[in-house]
């Protein structure tokens, strides 16, 4: 992701990477994962892109829900280390995916979608990632929404007619404490409560940094009407939405006409 030379970037911190890689174990994320999967409805032979895929939880869900009948799932993420996660998925999923049917690509989605041709995918999914598309205008000395808007336009271009985009983004001023509190309550029932507690507190810590950066315009925790306007401008129709992630994320589905 592009950024101001003066900006602190915790995305490259090993501790931050671990915190977000392990978030799928927390109850709010499990809620969001379930809600997202319910809106995917993958069909046999389709091709899907998992944008900002992380360790591949949504890619895994796509493969499982489709019964392994998708033609292709591509996971795209800026952290090259996630290639190991995809190698692990291929080894553990049944039926076993081939290298062509489930693969990982390292790249910055803020700038790296132009390589694929128009209509390349039947569906695109993204979990709490699009909001971190970064663009810094050095001449003006400020963050802009140019990368965010470009990602939405590129996603629409990459979808075939009738394709759908299912994605989640955080609400404005997300209450990370609420996410952590719900996780802490669940930790009391967990077989390893201290590890569970550590994950929840790590998410809370980095959530504060994310919210501060969003206030500067670096990240994009936008009101729902603004998101819908941007999706419409990018070419999407039939836009649906609901709350998830302990009420701290919008889950949205839009269609390419």
Protein backbone atom coordinates (compact mmCIF):
# COMPACT_ATOMS: atom_id res chain seq x y z
CA UNK A 1 0.00 0.00 0.00
CA UNK A 2 1.32 3.45 -0.85
CA UNK A 3 1.74 5.89 2.03
CA UNK A 4 3.23 9.14 3.20
CA UNK A 5 6.95 8.83 4.00
CA UNK A 6 6.18 10.09 7.50
CA UNK A 7 3.32 7.68 8.20
CA UNK A 8 3.74 4.88 10.71
CA UNK A 9 2.85 1.62 9.02
CA UNK A 10 2.04 -1.19 11.43
CA UNK A 11 0.98 -3.45 8.55
CA UNK A 12 4.63 -4.47 8.24
CA UNK A 13 4.94 -5.26 11.97
CA UNK A 14 5.09 -8.98 12.73
CA UNK A 15 2.88 -8.47 15.80
CA UNK A 16 0.24 -6.64 13.76
CA UNK A 17 0.29 -9.34 11.10
CA UNK A 18 -0.20 -12.01 13.76
CA UNK A 19 -3.06 -10.08 15.36
CA UNK A 20 -5.03 -9.80 12.13
CA UNK A 21 -4.08 -13.25 10.87
CA UNK A 22 -5.56 -14.79 14.02
CA UNK A 23 -8.71 -12.66 14.15
CA UNK A 24 -10.70 -15.43 12.47
CA UNK A 25 -10.71 -17.24 15.83
CA UNK A 26 -12.64 -14.41 17.52
CA UNK A 27 -16.47 -14.55 17.74
CA UNK A 28 -17.14 -11.20 15.97
CA UNK A 29 -15.13 -12.37 12.97
CA UNK A 30 -16.89 -15.74 12.99
CA UNK A 31 -20.19 -13.84 12.86
CA UNK A 32 -18.95 -11.80 9.90
CA UNK A 33 -17.56 -14.87 8.16
CA UNK A 34 -20.89 -16.67 8.47
CA UNK A 35 -22.85 -13.67 7.21
CA UNK A 36 -20.47 -13.23 4.26
CA UNK A 37 -20.59 -16.89 3.27
CA UNK A 38 -24.40 -16.77 3.31
CA UNK A 39 -24.26 -14.10 0.56
CA UNK A 40 -21.67 -15.76 -1.71
CA UNK A 41 -23.72 -18.54 -3.38
CA UNK A 42 -20.87 -19.76 -5.60
CA UNK A 43 -21.86 -21.90 -8.58
CA UNK A 44 -19.91 -24.76 -10.18
CA UNK A 45 -17.31 -23.64 -12.70
CA UNK A 46 -17.14 -20.04 -11.48
CA UNK A 47 -13.96 -18.01 -11.00
CA UNK A 48 -13.53 -15.94 -7.82
CA UNK A 49 -11.08 -13.35 -6.52
CA UNK A 50 -10.48 -13.00 -2.77
CA UNK A 51 -9.29 -9.39 -2.42
CA UNK A 52 -7.02 -8.74 0.58
CA UNK A 53 -7.29 -12.43 1.36
CA UNK A 54 -5.00 -12.67 4.41
CA UNK A 55 -4.65 -16.29 5.44
CA UNK A 56 -7.47 -17.33 3.09
CA UNK A 57 -10.49 -17.86 5.34
CA UNK A 58 -12.92 -16.65 2.66
CA UNK A 59 -11.13 -18.64 -0.04
CA UNK A 60 -11.47 -21.70 2.16
CA UNK A 61 -15.18 -21.02 2.64
CA UNK A 62 -15.72 -20.59 -1.11
CA UNK A 63 -14.10 -23.95 -1.80
CA UNK A 64 -16.06 -25.72 0.92
CA UNK A 65 -19.45 -24.18 0.11
CA UNK A 66 -19.02 -24.99 -3.59
CA UNK A 67 -18.06 -28.58 -2.81
CA UNK A 68 -14.75 -28.00 -4.56
CA UNK A 69 -16.46 -27.36 -7.89
CA UNK A 70 -15.16 -23.85 -8.61
CA UNK A 71 -12.86 -23.44 -11.59
CA UNK A 72 -10.60 -20.99 -9.80
CA UNK A 73 -10.09 -19.06 -6.57
CA UNK A 74 -7.33 -16.45 -6.51
CA UNK A 75 -6.24 -14.91 -3.22
CA UNK A 76 -4.58 -11.49 -3.54
CA UNK A 77 -2.76 -9.89 -0.61
CA UNK A 78 0.17 -7.55 -0.03
CA UNK A 79 1.74 -9.94 2.51
CA UNK A 80 3.72 -12.49 0.51
CA UNK A 81 3.97 -14.72 3.61
CA UNK A 82 0.33 -15.71 3.10
CA UNK A 83 1.47 -17.97 0.27
CA UNK A 84 2.23 -20.49 3.02
CA UNK A 85 -1.35 -20.33 4.20
CA UNK A 86 -2.60 -21.17 0.72
CA UNK A 87 -0.18 -24.07 0.45
CA UNK A 88 -1.61 -25.33 3.74
CA UNK A 89 -5.18 -24.93 2.43
CA UNK A 90 -4.42 -26.96 -0.67
CA UNK A 91 -3.03 -29.72 1.51
CA UNK A 92 -5.99 -29.85 3.89
CA UNK A 93 -9.10 -29.08 1.82
CA UNK A 94 -11.22 -31.86 0.35
CA UNK A 95 -11.52 -32.41 -2.50
CA UNK A 96 -7.91 -31.31 -2.87
CA UNK A 97 -7.56 -28.14 -5.00
CA UNK A 98 -4.94 -27.97 -7.73
CA UNK A 99 -2.44 -25.13 -8.03
CA UNK A 100 -4.66 -23.68 -10.76
CA UNK A 101 -7.93 -23.93 -8.85
CA UNK A 102 -6.67 -22.35 -5.60
CA UNK A 103 -3.70 -20.03 -5.76
CA UNK A 104 -2.17 -17.02 -4.07
CA UNK A 105 -0.87 -13.85 -5.70
CA UNK A 106 1.21 -11.31 -3.77
CA UNK A 107 0.26 -7.75 -4.70
CA UNK A 108 -1.04 -4.40 -3.52
CA UNK A 109 -4.71 -4.18 -4.51
CA UNK A 110 -4.50 -0.39 -4.27
CA UNK A 111 -2.59 -0.50 -7.57
CA UNK A 112 -2.38 -4.12 -8.69
CA UNK A 113 -5.68 -5.08 -10.41
CA UNK A 114 -4.99 -3.75 -13.90
CA UNK A 115 -3.13 -6.92 -14.94
CA UNK A 116 -6.36 -8.93 -15.20
CA UNK A 117 -8.65 -8.52 -18.23
CA UNK A 118 -12.23 -7.27 -18.18
CA UNK A 119 -14.81 -9.80 -16.98
CA UNK A 120 -12.18 -12.16 -15.57
CA UNK A 121 -14.21 -13.21 -12.50
CA UNK A 122 -17.76 -14.31 -11.73
CA UNK A 123 -17.48 -13.12 -8.14
CA UNK A 124 -15.17 -11.05 -5.95
CA UNK A 125 -15.14 -11.19 -2.17
CA UNK A 126 -13.26 -9.07 0.36
CA UNK A 127 -13.27 -9.12 4.14
CA UNK A 128 -12.43 -5.86 5.97
CA UNK A 129 -9.75 -4.99 3.40
CA UNK A 130 -10.99 -2.52 0.75
CA UNK A 131 -11.11 0.26 3.38
CA UNK A 132 -7.30 0.17 3.62
CA UNK A 133 -6.62 1.16 0.01
CA UNK A 134 -4.11 3.99 0.47
CA UNK A 135 -3.29 6.97 -1.72
CA UNK A 136 -1.20 9.95 -0.61
CA UNK A 137 -1.11 13.11 -2.70
CA UNK A 138 2.44 14.37 -2.18
CA UNK A 139 1.78 17.66 -3.97
CA UNK A 140 -1.20 18.45 -1.76
CA UNK A 141 0.35 16.83 1.31
CA UNK A 142 -2.75 14.83 2.22
CA UNK A 143 -4.41 11.44 1.99
CA UNK A 144 -7.11 10.96 -0.64
CA UNK A 145 -9.78 8.41 -1.53
CA UNK A 146 -8.36 7.93 -5.04
CA UNK A 147 -7.13 4.37 -4.38
CA UNK A 148 -10.41 3.37 -2.69
CA UNK A 149 -12.44 4.67 -5.63
CA UNK A 150 -10.07 3.02 -8.11
CA UNK A 151 -10.43 -0.36 -6.40
CA UNK A 152 -14.22 -0.21 -6.65
CA UNK A 153 -14.04 0.71 -10.34
CA UNK A 154 -11.50 -2.05 -11.03
CA UNK A 155 -13.59 -4.63 -9.19
CA UNK A 156 -16.58 -3.77 -11.37
CA UNK A 157 -14.40 -4.01 -14.49
CA UNK A 158 -13.06 -7.42 -13.48
CA UNK A 159 -16.54 -8.88 -12.97
CA UNK A 160 -18.38 -10.51 -15.82
CA UNK A 161 -21.94 -9.26 -16.52
CA UNK A 162 -24.14 -10.45 -13.67
CA UNK A 163 -21.13 -10.92 -11.38
CA UNK A 164 -21.33 -9.95 -7.73
CA UNK A 165 -19.08 -8.20 -5.25
CA UNK A 166 -19.51 -9.25 -1.60
CA UNK A 167 -17.40 -7.30 0.84
CA UNK A 168 -17.22 -5.91 4.35
CA UNK A 169 -15.87 -2.63 5.70
CA UNK A 170 -15.87 -1.13 9.17
CA UNK A 171 -18.45 1.43 10.21
CA UNK A 172 -17.35 5.03 10.91
CA UNK A 173 -15.54 5.32 14.26
CA UNK A 174 -15.72 1.56 14.95
CA UNK A 175 -15.99 0.63 18.61
CA UNK A 176 -13.07 -1.79 18.77
CA UNK A 177 -13.68 -2.10 22.48
CA UNK A 178 -17.03 -3.72 21.73
CA UNK A 179 -15.32 -6.27 19.49
CA UNK A 180 -12.74 -6.95 22.20
CA UNK A 181 -15.37 -7.17 24.96
CA UNK A 182 -17.44 -9.71 23.10
CA UNK A 183 -14.28 -11.71 22.49
CA UNK A 184 -13.27 -11.48 26.15
CA UNK A 185 -16.64 -12.84 27.28
CA UNK A 186 -16.22 -15.79 24.94
CA UNK A 187 -12.66 -16.35 26.18
CA UNK A 188 -14.00 -17.62 29.50
CA UNK A 189 -15.41 -20.66 27.66
CA UNK A 190 -12.32 -21.25 25.57
CA UNK A 191 -9.91 -24.10 26.25
CA UNK A 192 -7.00 -21.65 26.17
CA UNK A 193 -8.43 -18.42 27.67
CA UNK A 194 -5.11 -16.59 28.02
CA UNK A 195 -4.28 -17.03 24.34
CA UNK A 196 -7.81 -15.94 23.44
CA UNK A 197 -7.42 -12.89 25.68
CA UNK A 198 -4.13 -11.95 24.02
CA UNK A 199 -5.73 -12.05 20.56
CA UNK A 200 -8.61 -9.83 21.68
CA UNK A 201 -6.30 -7.26 23.27
CA UNK A 202 -4.04 -7.23 20.20
CA UNK A 203 -7.02 -6.44 18.00
CA UNK A 204 -8.05 -3.66 20.39
CA UNK A 205 -4.54 -2.16 20.36
CA UNK A 206 -4.23 -2.01 16.60
CA UNK A 207 -7.85 -0.93 16.24
CA UNK A 208 -6.95 2.34 17.94
CA UNK A 209 -4.18 2.97 15.42
CA UNK A 210 -6.50 2.20 12.51
CA UNK A 211 -9.16 4.58 13.78
CA UNK A 212 -6.66 7.41 14.25
CA UNK A 213 -5.37 6.94 10.71
CA UNK A 214 -8.92 6.88 9.36
CA UNK A 215 -9.54 10.28 10.92
CA UNK A 216 -6.61 11.60 8.88
CA UNK A 217 -8.17 10.25 5.68
CA UNK A 218 -5.59 7.49 5.24
CA UNK A 219 -8.10 4.68 5.78
CA UNK A 220 -11.78 4.80 4.90
CA UNK A 221 -14.40 4.06 7.54
CA UNK A 222 -17.18 5.68 5.55
CA UNK A 223 -20.91 6.19 6.20
CA UNK A 224 -23.10 3.69 4.41
CA UNK A 225 -24.73 6.28 2.06
CA UNK A 226 -21.26 7.37 0.91
CA UNK A 227 -20.26 3.76 0.18
CA UNK A 228 -23.45 3.16 -1.77
CA UNK A 229 -22.86 6.35 -3.80
CA UNK A 230 -19.32 5.22 -4.61
CA UNK A 231 -20.51 1.75 -5.62
CA UNK A 232 -23.19 3.25 -7.85
CA UNK A 233 -20.63 5.56 -9.47
CA UNK A 234 -18.40 2.53 -10.10
CA UNK A 235 -21.25 0.80 -11.96
CA UNK A 236 -22.86 -1.50 -9.37
CA UNK A 237 -26.61 -2.06 -9.04
CA UNK A 238 -28.93 -4.01 -6.72
CA UNK A 239 -26.89 -3.02 -3.68
CA UNK A 240 -27.77 -4.82 -0.42
CA UNK A 241 -26.33 -4.33 3.04
CA UNK A 242 -26.51 -5.42 6.66
CA UNK A 243 -24.57 -5.00 9.91
CA UNK A 244 -22.22 -7.67 11.26
CA UNK A 245 -18.96 -8.01 13.26
CA UNK A 246 -20.61 -7.11 16.58
CA UNK A 247 -22.29 -4.20 14.80
CA UNK A 248 -18.94 -2.74 13.73
CA UNK A 249 -18.94 -3.62 10.03
CA UNK A 250 -21.17 -3.20 7.02
CA UNK A 251 -21.56 -6.31 4.87
CA UNK A 252 -22.45 -5.22 1.34
CA UNK A 253 -23.34 -7.00 -1.89
CA UNK A 254 -23.50 -5.33 -5.28
CA UNK A 255 -24.06 -6.65 -8.80
CA UNK A 256 -22.57 -5.77 -12.15
CA UNK A 257 -25.41 -5.26 -14.65
